[in-house]
Amino acid sequence: MDNMIKYMNEHFGDKYFFKYSTPSEYVKAVSKYDIEWTTKYDDQFPYSSGGDDYWTGYFSSRANDKGYIRKASSNLFASSHLMGLKVIDQSTPQD
């Protein structure tokens, strides 16, 4: 990050100044412009793309959890499948 800030200030310093900042510094800088932000009162969620089609789980703040659940579900399915094959193998009469 230090190298990028140095590069940007050297090459674009005439237009911009790059530096580390904090959220409070950002809010203070933006408040100087006296911007009046609009307030959104209607709700977008849950998003519906059809009669009974709702996307309630699509927008999640826990994307990593979704990946872990997918992998765990895959492992569970594979182990269940192998267990089923083992049970079938044991119940088959041996000659």
PDB file of N, CA and C in Angstrom:
ATOM      1  N   MET A   1       0.829  -1.187   0.000  1.00  0.00           N
ATOM      2  CA  MET A   1       0.000   0.000   0.000  1.00  0.00           C
ATOM      3  C   MET A   1       0.878   1.258   0.000  1.00  0.00           C
ATOM      4  N   ASP A   2       1.969   1.200   0.758  1.00  0.00           N
ATOM      5  CA  ASP A   2       2.870   2.365   0.800  1.00  0.00           C
ATOM      6  C   ASP A   2       3.435   2.684  -0.581  1.00  0.00           C
ATOM      7  N   ASN A   3       3.812   1.645  -1.311  1.00  0.00           N
ATOM      8  CA  ASN A   3       4.364   1.854  -2.657  1.00  0.00           C
ATOM      9  C   ASN A   3       3.331   2.459  -3.593  1.00  0.00           C
ATOM     10  N   MET A   4       2.071   2.004  -3.481  1.00  0.00           N
ATOM     11  CA  MET A   4       1.029   2.541  -4.339  1.00  0.00           C
ATOM     12  C   MET A   4       0.768   4.017  -4.015  1.00  0.00           C
ATOM     13  N   ILE A   5       0.691   4.351  -2.735  1.00  0.00           N
ATOM     14  CA  ILE A   5       0.457   5.741  -2.337  1.00  0.00           C
ATOM     15  C   ILE A   5       1.596   6.626  -2.843  1.00  0.00           C
ATOM     16  N   LYS A   6       2.830   6.157  -2.675  1.00  0.00           N
ATOM     17  CA  LYS A   6       3.987   6.925  -3.153  1.00  0.00           C
ATOM     18  C   LYS A   6       3.925   7.124  -4.671  1.00  0.00           C
ATOM     19  N   TYR A   7       3.640   6.048  -5.401  1.00  0.00           N
ATOM     20  CA  TYR A   7       3.550   6.128  -6.862  1.00  0.00           C
ATOM     21  C   TYR A   7       2.454   7.115  -7.295  1.00  0.00           C
ATOM     22  N   MET A   8       1.283   6.990  -6.691  1.00  0.00           N
ATOM     23  CA  MET A   8       0.162   7.853  -7.095  1.00  0.00           C
ATOM     24  C   MET A   8       0.467   9.317  -6.788  1.00  0.00           C
ATOM     25  N   ASN A   9       1.048   9.589  -5.640  1.00  0.00           N
ATOM     26  CA  ASN A   9       1.382  10.974  -5.301  1.00  0.00           C
ATOM     27  C   ASN A   9       2.466  11.537  -6.220  1.00  0.00           C
ATOM     28  N   GLU A  10       3.422  10.698  -6.629  1.00  0.00           N
ATOM     29  CA  GLU A  10       4.474  11.169  -7.542  1.00  0.00           C
ATOM     30  C   GLU A  10       3.945  11.435  -8.943  1.00  0.00           C
ATOM     31  N   HIS A  11       3.018  10.595  -9.414  1.00  0.00           N
ATOM     32  CA  HIS A  11       2.542  10.715 -10.789  1.00  0.00           C
ATOM     33  C   HIS A  11       1.242  11.504 -10.946  1.00  0.00           C
ATOM     34  N   PHE A  12       0.459  11.580  -9.904  1.00  0.00           N
ATOM     35  CA  PHE A  12      -0.828  12.278  -9.997  1.00  0.00           C
ATOM     36  C   PHE A  12      -0.993  13.303  -8.886  1.00  0.00           C
ATOM     37  N   GLY A  13       0.114  13.694  -8.268  1.00  0.00           N
ATOM     38  CA  GLY A  13       0.082  14.637  -7.156  1.00  0.00           C
ATOM     39  C   GLY A  13      -0.434  16.011  -7.518  1.00  0.00           C
ATOM     40  N   ASP A  14      -0.392  16.369  -8.807  1.00  0.00           N
ATOM     41  CA  ASP A  14      -0.914  17.670  -9.207  1.00  0.00           C
ATOM     42  C   ASP A  14      -2.436  17.723  -9.137  1.00  0.00           C
ATOM     43  N   LYS A  15      -3.092  16.562  -9.194  1.00  0.00           N
ATOM     44  CA  LYS A  15      -4.560  16.511  -9.143  1.00  0.00           C
ATOM     45  C   LYS A  15      -5.083  15.950  -7.820  1.00  0.00           C
ATOM     46  N   TYR A  16      -4.365  14.963  -7.266  1.00  0.00           N
ATOM     47  CA  TYR A  16      -4.850  14.233  -6.099  1.00  0.00           C
ATOM     48  C   TYR A  16      -3.758  14.101  -5.063  1.00  0.00           C
ATOM     49  N   PHE A  17      -4.163  13.880  -3.813  1.00  0.00           N
ATOM     50  CA  PHE A  17      -3.227  13.577  -2.748  1.00  0.00           C
ATOM     51  C   PHE A  17      -3.698  12.318  -2.046  1.00  0.00           C
ATOM     52  N   PHE A  18      -2.878  11.286  -2.094  1.00  0.00           N
ATOM     53  CA  PHE A  18      -3.223  10.001  -1.498  1.00  0.00           C
ATOM     54  C   PHE A  18      -2.555   9.874  -0.143  1.00  0.00           C
ATOM     55  N   LYS A  19      -3.310   9.348   0.839  1.00  0.00           N
ATOM     56  CA  LYS A  19      -2.770   9.151   2.178  1.00  0.00           C
ATOM     57  C   LYS A  19      -3.627   8.136   2.921  1.00  0.00           C
ATOM     58  N   TYR A  20      -3.064   7.627   4.015  1.00  0.00           N
ATOM     59  CA  TYR A  20      -3.855   6.784   4.908  1.00  0.00           C
ATOM     60  C   TYR A  20      -4.833   7.687   5.641  1.00  0.00           C
ATOM     61  N   SER A  21      -6.004   7.148   5.947  1.00  0.00           N
ATOM     62  CA  SER A  21      -7.002   7.951   6.613  1.00  0.00           C
ATOM     63  C   SER A  21      -7.804   7.090   7.582  1.00  0.00           C
ATOM     64  N   THR A  22      -8.688   7.731   8.301  1.00  0.00           N
ATOM     65  CA  THR A  22      -9.594   7.035   9.211  1.00  0.00           C
ATOM     66  C   THR A  22     -11.026   7.369   8.800  1.00  0.00           C
ATOM     67  N   PRO A  23     -11.996   6.590   9.232  1.00  0.00           N
ATOM     68  CA  PRO A  23     -13.385   6.927   8.896  1.00  0.00           C
ATOM     69  C   PRO A  23     -13.785   8.324   9.372  1.00  0.00           C
ATOM     70  N   SER A  24     -13.321   8.743  10.538  1.00  0.00           N
ATOM     71  CA  SER A  24     -13.695  10.075  11.032  1.00  0.00           C
ATOM     72  C   SER A  24     -13.099  11.180  10.165  1.00  0.00           C
ATOM     73  N   GLU A  25     -11.868  10.992   9.673  1.00  0.00           N
ATOM     74  CA  GLU A  25     -11.281  11.988   8.761  1.00  0.00           C
ATOM     75  C   GLU A  25     -12.064  12.059   7.459  1.00  0.00           C
ATOM     76  N   TYR A  26     -12.500  10.898   6.971  1.00  0.00           N
ATOM     77  CA  TYR A  26     -13.289  10.860   5.737  1.00  0.00           C
ATOM     78  C   TYR A  26     -14.607  11.610   5.916  1.00  0.00           C
ATOM     79  N   VAL A  27     -15.307  11.322   6.997  1.00  0.00           N
ATOM     80  CA  VAL A  27     -16.597  11.985   7.249  1.00  0.00           C
ATOM     81  C   VAL A  27     -16.401  13.485   7.389  1.00  0.00           C
ATOM     82  N   LYS A  28     -15.341  13.891   8.071  1.00  0.00           N
ATOM     83  CA  LYS A  28     -15.054  15.320   8.233  1.00  0.00           C
ATOM     84  C   LYS A  28     -14.796  15.984   6.879  1.00  0.00           C
ATOM     85  N   ALA A  29     -14.026  15.311   6.010  1.00  0.00           N
ATOM     86  CA  ALA A  29     -13.728  15.866   4.687  1.00  0.00           C
ATOM     87  C   ALA A  29     -14.976  15.963   3.825  1.00  0.00           C
ATOM     88  N   VAL A  30     -15.820  14.960   3.861  1.00  0.00           N
ATOM     89  CA  VAL A  30     -17.041  14.965   3.050  1.00  0.00           C
ATOM     90  C   VAL A  30     -18.032  16.004   3.572  1.00  0.00           C
ATOM     91  N   SER A  31     -18.085  16.196   4.884  1.00  0.00           N
ATOM     92  CA  SER A  31     -19.049  17.146   5.454  1.00  0.00           C
ATOM     93  C   SER A  31     -18.746  18.590   5.041  1.00  0.00           C
ATOM     94  N   LYS A  32     -17.518  18.882   4.610  1.00  0.00           N
ATOM     95  CA  LYS A  32     -17.170  20.225   4.148  1.00  0.00           C
ATOM     96  C   LYS A  32     -17.967  20.626   2.909  1.00  0.00           C
ATOM     97  N   TYR A  33     -18.427  19.642   2.154  1.00  0.00           N
ATOM     98  CA  TYR A  33     -19.136  19.916   0.904  1.00  0.00           C
ATOM     99  C   TYR A  33     -20.628  20.146   1.118  1.00  0.00           C
ATOM    100  N   ASP A  34     -21.107  20.000   2.323  1.00  0.00           N
ATOM    101  CA  ASP A  34     -22.503  20.255   2.677  1.00  0.00           C
ATOM    102  C   ASP A  34     -23.475  19.558   1.717  1.00  0.00           C
ATOM    103  N   ILE A  35     -23.283  18.250   1.571  1.00  0.00           N
ATOM    104  CA  ILE A  35     -24.119  17.445   0.685  1.00  0.00           C
ATOM    105  C   ILE A  35     -25.356  17.009   1.446  1.00  0.00           C
ATOM    106  N   GLU A  36     -26.499  17.151   0.811  1.00  0.00           N
ATOM    107  CA  GLU A  36     -27.737  16.657   1.417  1.00  0.00           C
ATOM    108  C   GLU A  36     -28.062  15.313   0.786  1.00  0.00           C
ATOM    109  N   TRP A  37     -27.938  14.266   1.580  1.00  0.00           N
ATOM    110  CA  TRP A  37     -28.165  12.910   1.110  1.00  0.00           C
ATOM    111  C   TRP A  37     -29.649  12.584   1.142  1.00  0.00           C
ATOM    112  N   THR A  38     -30.107  11.885   0.116  1.00  0.00           N
ATOM    113  CA  THR A  38     -31.513  11.486   0.084  1.00  0.00           C
ATOM    114  C   THR A  38     -31.718  10.277   0.996  1.00  0.00           C
ATOM    115  N   THR A  39     -32.922  10.158   1.499  1.00  0.00           N
ATOM    116  CA  THR A  39     -33.276   9.027   2.352  1.00  0.00           C
ATOM    117  C   THR A  39     -34.164   8.084   1.577  1.00  0.00           C
ATOM    118  N   LYS A  40     -33.838   6.825   1.605  1.00  0.00           N
ATOM    119  CA  LYS A  40     -34.625   5.811   0.909  1.00  0.00           C
ATOM    120  C   LYS A  40     -35.588   5.196   1.912  1.00  0.00           C
ATOM    121  N   TYR A  41     -36.873   5.264   1.619  1.00  0.00           N
ATOM    122  CA  TYR A  41     -37.879   4.777   2.556  1.00  0.00           C
ATOM    123  C   TYR A  41     -38.470   3.429   2.151  1.00  0.00           C
ATOM    124  N   ASP A  42     -38.467   3.116   0.851  1.00  0.00           N
ATOM    125  CA  ASP A  42     -39.018   1.825   0.453  1.00  0.00           C
ATOM    126  C   ASP A  42     -37.965   0.741   0.634  1.00  0.00           C
ATOM    127  N   ASP A  43     -38.404  -0.481   0.669  1.00  0.00           N
ATOM    128  CA  ASP A  43     -37.506  -1.596   0.937  1.00  0.00           C
ATOM    129  C   ASP A  43     -37.313  -2.408  -0.325  1.00  0.00           C
ATOM    130  N   GLN A  44     -36.064  -2.831  -0.582  1.00  0.00           N
ATOM    131  CA  GLN A  44     -35.771  -3.640  -1.757  1.00  0.00           C
ATOM    132  C   GLN A  44     -35.834  -5.123  -1.452  1.00  0.00           C
ATOM    133  N   PHE A  45     -35.758  -5.488  -0.198  1.00  0.00           N
ATOM    134  CA  PHE A  45     -35.641  -6.894   0.158  1.00  0.00           C
ATOM    135  C   PHE A  45     -36.922  -7.414   0.778  1.00  0.00           C
ATOM    136  N   PRO A  46     -37.304  -8.617   0.555  1.00  0.00           N
ATOM    137  CA  PRO A  46     -36.654  -9.553  -0.357  1.00  0.00           C
ATOM    138  C   PRO A  46     -36.999  -9.246  -1.803  1.00  0.00           C
ATOM    139  N   TYR A  47     -36.024  -9.402  -2.668  1.00  0.00           N
ATOM    140  CA  TYR A  47     -36.194  -9.163  -4.095  1.00  0.00           C
ATOM    141  C   TYR A  47     -37.025 -10.282  -4.697  1.00  0.00           C
ATOM    142  N   SER A  48     -37.964  -9.920  -5.532  1.00  0.00           N
ATOM    143  CA  SER A  48     -38.815 -10.922  -6.174  1.00  0.00           C
ATOM    144  C   SER A  48     -38.668 -10.808  -7.681  1.00  0.00           C
ATOM    145  N   SER A  49     -38.413 -11.954  -8.318  1.00  0.00           N
ATOM    146  CA  SER A  49     -38.275 -11.944  -9.769  1.00  0.00           C
ATOM    147  C   SER A  49     -39.470 -12.597 -10.443  1.00  0.00           C
ATOM    148  N   GLY A  50     -40.447 -12.993  -9.676  1.00  0.00           N
ATOM    149  CA  GLY A  50     -41.633 -13.638 -10.229  1.00  0.00           C
ATOM    150  C   GLY A  50     -42.701 -13.774  -9.163  1.00  0.00           C
ATOM    151  N   GLY A  51     -43.745 -14.479  -9.495  1.00  0.00           N
ATOM    152  CA  GLY A  51     -44.871 -14.639  -8.575  1.00  0.00           C
ATOM    153  C   GLY A  51     -44.475 -15.095  -7.186  1.00  0.00           C
ATOM    154  N   ASP A  52     -43.875 -16.249  -7.079  1.00  0.00           N
ATOM    155  CA  ASP A  52     -43.455 -16.776  -5.782  1.00  0.00           C
ATOM    156  C   ASP A  52     -41.950 -17.022  -5.736  1.00  0.00           C
ATOM    157  N   ASP A  53     -41.188 -16.274  -6.523  1.00  0.00           N
ATOM    158  CA  ASP A  53     -39.737 -16.447  -6.580  1.00  0.00           C
ATOM    159  C   ASP A  53     -39.064 -15.310  -5.814  1.00  0.00           C
ATOM    160  N   TYR A  54     -38.581 -15.619  -4.606  1.00  0.00           N
ATOM    161  CA  TYR A  54     -37.917 -14.616  -3.778  1.00  0.00           C
ATOM    162  C   TYR A  54     -36.447 -14.965  -3.608  1.00  0.00           C
ATOM    163  N   TRP A  55     -35.609 -13.946  -3.619  1.00  0.00           N
ATOM    164  CA  TRP A  55     -34.167 -14.125  -3.543  1.00  0.00           C
ATOM    165  C   TRP A  55     -33.664 -13.788  -2.134  1.00  0.00           C
ATOM    166  N   THR A  56     -34.311 -14.275  -1.117  1.00  0.00           N
ATOM    167  CA  THR A  56     -33.976 -13.862   0.246  1.00  0.00           C
ATOM    168  C   THR A  56     -32.585 -14.281   0.671  1.00  0.00           C
ATOM    169  N   GLY A  57     -32.057 -15.397   0.193  1.00  0.00           N
ATOM    170  CA  GLY A  57     -30.734 -15.837   0.602  1.00  0.00           C
ATOM    171  C   GLY A  57     -29.633 -15.428  -0.351  1.00  0.00           C
ATOM    172  N   TYR A  58     -29.978 -14.755  -1.432  1.00  0.00           N
ATOM    173  CA  TYR A  58     -28.995 -14.416  -2.463  1.00  0.00           C
ATOM    174  C   TYR A  58     -28.006 -13.358  -1.982  1.00  0.00           C
ATOM    175  N   PHE A  59     -28.517 -12.319  -1.332  1.00  0.00           N
ATOM    176  CA  PHE A  59     -27.664 -11.238  -0.850  1.00  0.00           C
ATOM    177  C   PHE A  59     -27.322 -11.531   0.599  1.00  0.00           C
ATOM    178  N   SER A  60     -26.167 -12.083   0.822  1.00  0.00           N
ATOM    179  CA  SER A  60     -25.779 -12.472   2.174  1.00  0.00           C
ATOM    180  C   SER A  60     -24.464 -11.817   2.536  1.00  0.00           C
ATOM    181  N   SER A  61     -24.348 -11.448   3.796  1.00  0.00           N
ATOM    182  CA  SER A  61     -23.090 -10.871   4.258  1.00  0.00           C
ATOM    183  C   SER A  61     -22.129 -11.963   4.705  1.00  0.00           C
ATOM    184  N   ARG A  62     -22.542 -13.209   4.591  1.00  0.00           N
ATOM    185  CA  ARG A  62     -21.687 -14.313   5.020  1.00  0.00           C
ATOM    186  C   ARG A  62     -21.344 -15.206   3.828  1.00  0.00           C
ATOM    187  N   ALA A  63     -20.683 -14.621   2.854  1.00  0.00           N
ATOM    188  CA  ALA A  63     -20.344 -15.363   1.635  1.00  0.00           C
ATOM    189  C   ALA A  63     -19.414 -16.540   1.939  1.00  0.00           C
ATOM    190  N   ASN A  64     -18.479 -16.363   2.869  1.00  0.00           N
ATOM    191  CA  ASN A  64     -17.571 -17.463   3.217  1.00  0.00           C
ATOM    192  C   ASN A  64     -18.339 -18.641   3.791  1.00  0.00           C
ATOM    193  N   ASP A  65     -19.353 -18.348   4.615  1.00  0.00           N
ATOM    194  CA  ASP A  65     -20.152 -19.432   5.192  1.00  0.00           C
ATOM    195  C   ASP A  65     -20.835 -20.242   4.101  1.00  0.00           C
ATOM    196  N   LYS A  66     -21.288 -19.560   3.062  1.00  0.00           N
ATOM    197  CA  LYS A  66     -21.934 -20.279   1.958  1.00  0.00           C
ATOM    198  C   LYS A  66     -20.968 -21.259   1.312  1.00  0.00           C
ATOM    199  N   GLY A  67     -19.714 -20.855   1.137  1.00  0.00           N
ATOM    200  CA  GLY A  67     -18.704 -21.739   0.559  1.00  0.00           C
ATOM    201  C   GLY A  67     -18.437 -22.937   1.450  1.00  0.00           C
ATOM    202  N   TYR A  68     -18.325 -22.676   2.762  1.00  0.00           N
ATOM    203  CA  TYR A  68     -18.087 -23.776   3.699  1.00  0.00           C
ATOM    204  C   TYR A  68     -19.256 -24.757   3.690  1.00  0.00           C
ATOM    205  N   ILE A  69     -20.467 -24.231   3.636  1.00  0.00           N
ATOM    206  CA  ILE A  69     -21.655 -25.085   3.626  1.00  0.00           C
ATOM    207  C   ILE A  69     -21.698 -25.920   2.354  1.00  0.00           C
ATOM    208  N   ARG A  70     -21.347 -25.317   1.207  1.00  0.00           N
ATOM    209  CA  ARG A  70     -21.308 -26.070  -0.051  1.00  0.00           C
ATOM    210  C   ARG A  70     -20.321 -27.222   0.028  1.00  0.00           C
ATOM    211  N   LYS A  71     -19.118 -26.937   0.551  1.00  0.00           N
ATOM    212  CA  LYS A  71     -18.099 -27.984   0.658  1.00  0.00           C
ATOM    213  C   LYS A  71     -18.522 -29.064   1.646  1.00  0.00           C
ATOM    214  N   ALA A  72     -19.090 -28.658   2.781  1.00  0.00           N
ATOM    215  CA  ALA A  72     -19.523 -29.633   3.784  1.00  0.00           C
ATOM    216  C   ALA A  72     -20.658 -30.486   3.245  1.00  0.00           C
ATOM    217  N   SER A  73     -21.573 -29.881   2.507  1.00  0.00           N
ATOM    218  CA  SER A  73     -22.683 -30.637   1.919  1.00  0.00           C
ATOM    219  C   SER A  73     -22.163 -31.647   0.908  1.00  0.00           C
ATOM    220  N   SER A  74     -21.163 -31.261   0.141  1.00  0.00           N
ATOM    221  CA  SER A  74     -20.559 -32.169  -0.826  1.00  0.00           C
ATOM    222  C   SER A  74     -19.906 -33.351  -0.115  1.00  0.00           C
ATOM    223  N   ASN A  75     -19.170 -33.060   0.959  1.00  0.00           N
ATOM    224  CA  ASN A  75     -18.542 -34.134   1.736  1.00  0.00           C
ATOM    225  C   ASN A  75     -19.581 -35.054   2.372  1.00  0.00           C
ATOM    226  N   LEU A  76     -20.656 -34.467   2.892  1.00  0.00           N
ATOM    227  CA  LEU A  76     -21.716 -35.273   3.500  1.00  0.00           C
ATOM    228  C   LEU A  76     -22.353 -36.191   2.460  1.00  0.00           C
ATOM    229  N   PHE A  77     -22.629 -35.661   1.282  1.00  0.00           N
ATOM    230  CA  PHE A  77     -23.230 -36.477   0.225  1.00  0.00           C
ATOM    231  C   PHE A  77     -22.296 -37.618  -0.172  1.00  0.00           C
ATOM    232  N   ALA A  78     -21.012 -37.309  -0.334  1.00  0.00           N
ATOM    233  CA  ALA A  78     -20.040 -38.333  -0.735  1.00  0.00           C
ATOM    234  C   ALA A  78     -19.917 -39.413   0.332  1.00  0.00           C
ATOM    235  N   SER A  79     -19.846 -39.005   1.609  1.00  0.00           N
ATOM    236  CA  SER A  79     -19.729 -40.009   2.668  1.00  0.00           C
ATOM    237  C   SER A  79     -20.995 -40.834   2.797  1.00  0.00           C
ATOM    238  N   SER A  80     -22.161 -40.226   2.609  1.00  0.00           N
ATOM    239  CA  SER A  80     -23.422 -40.979   2.640  1.00  0.00           C
ATOM    240  C   SER A  80     -23.461 -41.994   1.504  1.00  0.00           C
ATOM    241  N   HIS A  81     -22.994 -41.588   0.353  1.00  0.00           N
ATOM    242  CA  HIS A  81     -22.963 -42.477  -0.804  1.00  0.00           C
ATOM    243  C   HIS A  81     -22.034 -43.667  -0.545  1.00  0.00           C
ATOM    244  N   LEU A  82     -20.840 -43.389  -0.015  1.00  0.00           N
ATOM    245  CA  LEU A  82     -19.897 -44.464   0.290  1.00  0.00           C
ATOM    246  C   LEU A  82     -20.441 -45.391   1.375  1.00  0.00           C
ATOM    247  N   MET A  83     -21.105 -44.823   2.370  1.00  0.00           N
ATOM    248  CA  MET A  83     -21.698 -45.645   3.433  1.00  0.00           C
ATOM    249  C   MET A  83     -22.768 -46.556   2.854  1.00  0.00           C
ATOM    250  N   GLY A  84     -23.587 -46.017   1.972  1.00  0.00           N
ATOM    251  CA  GLY A  84     -24.625 -46.827   1.325  1.00  0.00           C
ATOM    252  C   GLY A  84     -24.036 -47.970   0.522  1.00  0.00           C
ATOM    253  N   LEU A  85     -22.968 -47.690  -0.209  1.00  0.00           N
ATOM    254  CA  LEU A  85     -22.303 -48.745  -0.979  1.00  0.00           C
ATOM    255  C   LEU A  85     -21.732 -49.811  -0.050  1.00  0.00           C
ATOM    256  N   LYS A  86     -21.170 -49.409   1.082  1.00  0.00           N
ATOM    257  CA  LYS A  86     -20.592 -50.358   2.029  1.00  0.00           C
ATOM    258  C   LYS A  86     -21.686 -51.253   2.626  1.00  0.00           C
ATOM    259  N   VAL A  87     -22.843 -50.668   2.955  1.00  0.00           N
ATOM    260  CA  VAL A  87     -23.967 -51.436   3.513  1.00  0.00           C
ATOM    261  C   VAL A  87     -24.458 -52.448   2.486  1.00  0.00           C
ATOM    262  N   ILE A  88     -24.573 -52.000   1.233  1.00  0.00           N
ATOM    263  CA  ILE A  88     -25.029 -52.906   0.174  1.00  0.00           C
ATOM    264  C   ILE A  88     -24.013 -54.030  -0.014  1.00  0.00           C
ATOM    265  N   ASP A  89     -22.726 -53.703   0.024  1.00  0.00           N
ATOM    266  CA  ASP A  89     -21.674 -54.697  -0.150  1.00  0.00           C
ATOM    267  C   ASP A  89     -21.712 -55.745   0.965  1.00  0.00           C
ATOM    268  N   GLN A  90     -21.991 -55.320   2.196  1.00  0.00           N
ATOM    269  CA  GLN A  90     -22.029 -56.245   3.316  1.00  0.00           C
ATOM    270  C   GLN A  90     -23.273 -57.116   3.293  1.00  0.00           C
ATOM    271  N   SER A  91     -24.356 -56.621   2.727  1.00  0.00           N
ATOM    272  CA  SER A  91     -25.589 -57.408   2.715  1.00  0.00           C
ATOM    273  C   SER A  91     -25.656 -58.390   1.547  1.00  0.00           C
ATOM    274  N   THR A  92     -24.722 -58.269   0.602  1.00  0.00           N
ATOM    275  CA  THR A  92     -24.691 -59.178  -0.537  1.00  0.00           C
ATOM    276  C   THR A  92     -24.019 -60.480  -0.108  1.00  0.00           C
ATOM    277  N   PRO A  93     -24.687 -61.637  -0.391  1.00  0.00           N
ATOM    278  CA  PRO A  93     -24.065 -62.930   0.002  1.00  0.00           C
ATOM    279  C   PRO A  93     -22.743 -63.120  -0.732  1.00  0.00           C
ATOM    280  N   GLN A  94     -21.744 -63.595   0.014  1.00  0.00           N
ATOM    281  CA  GLN A  94     -20.414 -63.860  -0.555  1.00  0.00           C
ATOM    282  C   GLN A  94     -20.345 -65.330  -0.981  1.00  0.00           C
ATOM    283  N   ASP A  95     -19.823 -65.643  -2.122  1.00  0.00           N
ATOM    284  CA  ASP A  95     -19.699 -67.033  -2.597  1.00  0.00           C
ATOM    285  C   ASP A  95     -18.409 -67.644  -2.137  1.00  0.00           C
TER     286      ASP A  95
END
